[in-house]
């Protein structure tokens, strides 16, 4: 199995649809970053780092990804 403990993943959206992906990435030991326009998105508390940014805001999400 690949060691993912030092890997980071950026998930666009932190709503109910993304929660299973966030949980799985955390189980694999990944550092999870997510952005969502809803500051109360359910996945916010599951992430290591959360940004209140719409997934449609390409410039800001691209800057976060860098």
Protein backbone atom coordinates (compact mmCIF):
# COMPACT_ATOMS: atom_id res chain seq x y z
CA UNK A 1 0.00 0.00 0.00
CA UNK A 2 1.18 3.51 -0.79
CA UNK A 3 2.15 5.69 2.19
CA UNK A 4 -0.06 8.77 1.95
CA UNK A 5 0.72 10.17 5.40
CA UNK A 6 2.77 13.07 4.04
CA UNK A 7 0.48 13.87 1.12
CA UNK A 8 -1.92 16.78 0.91
CA UNK A 9 -5.22 16.88 -0.93
CA UNK A 10 -7.34 19.88 -1.82
CA UNK A 11 -11.04 19.11 -2.05
CA UNK A 12 -13.34 21.62 -3.71
CA UNK A 13 -16.45 21.73 -1.57
CA UNK A 14 -17.02 20.54 1.98
CA UNK A 15 -20.72 19.72 1.78
CA UNK A 16 -22.50 16.45 2.50
CA UNK A 17 -21.37 15.08 -0.87
CA UNK A 18 -17.69 15.60 -0.01
CA UNK A 19 -17.80 14.32 3.60
CA UNK A 20 -17.14 10.66 2.65
CA UNK A 21 -14.11 11.67 0.57
CA UNK A 22 -12.78 13.87 3.36
CA UNK A 23 -13.20 11.04 5.89
CA UNK A 24 -11.47 8.51 3.62
CA UNK A 25 -8.53 10.83 2.98
CA UNK A 26 -8.18 11.42 6.73
CA UNK A 27 -8.27 7.64 7.33
CA UNK A 28 -5.40 7.31 4.86
CA UNK A 29 -3.43 9.86 6.87
CA UNK A 30 -3.59 12.67 4.34
CA UNK A 31 -3.62 16.38 5.20
CA UNK A 32 -7.00 17.56 3.93
CA UNK A 33 -7.62 21.09 2.70
CA UNK A 34 -11.09 22.12 1.55
CA UNK A 35 -12.86 25.21 0.30
CA UNK A 36 -16.57 25.94 0.33
CA UNK A 37 -18.60 29.15 0.20
CA UNK A 38 -20.62 27.93 3.19
CA UNK A 39 -18.67 28.69 6.36
CA UNK A 40 -20.87 26.13 8.14
CA UNK A 41 -20.28 23.30 5.65
CA UNK A 42 -20.45 19.88 7.35
CA UNK A 43 -16.96 18.91 6.16
CA UNK A 44 -15.36 22.00 7.70
CA UNK A 45 -14.78 20.37 11.07
CA UNK A 46 -13.29 17.25 9.44
CA UNK A 47 -10.62 19.08 7.44
CA UNK A 48 -7.15 20.03 8.59
CA UNK A 49 -7.47 23.41 6.85
CA UNK A 50 -10.65 25.08 5.60
CA UNK A 51 -11.11 28.14 3.39
CA UNK A 52 -14.44 29.94 3.05
CA UNK A 53 -14.17 30.41 -0.71
CA UNK A 54 -16.67 29.50 -3.41
CA UNK A 55 -15.54 26.61 -5.60
CA UNK A 56 -16.40 28.86 -8.56
CA UNK A 57 -13.70 31.35 -7.55
CA UNK A 58 -10.88 29.93 -9.63
CA UNK A 59 -8.21 32.55 -8.81
CA UNK A 60 -8.56 32.13 -5.04
CA UNK A 61 -8.75 28.33 -5.18
CA UNK A 62 -5.74 28.23 -7.50
CA UNK A 63 -3.79 30.39 -5.03
CA UNK A 64 -4.75 28.05 -2.19
CA UNK A 65 -3.67 25.03 -4.22
CA UNK A 66 -0.27 26.56 -4.88
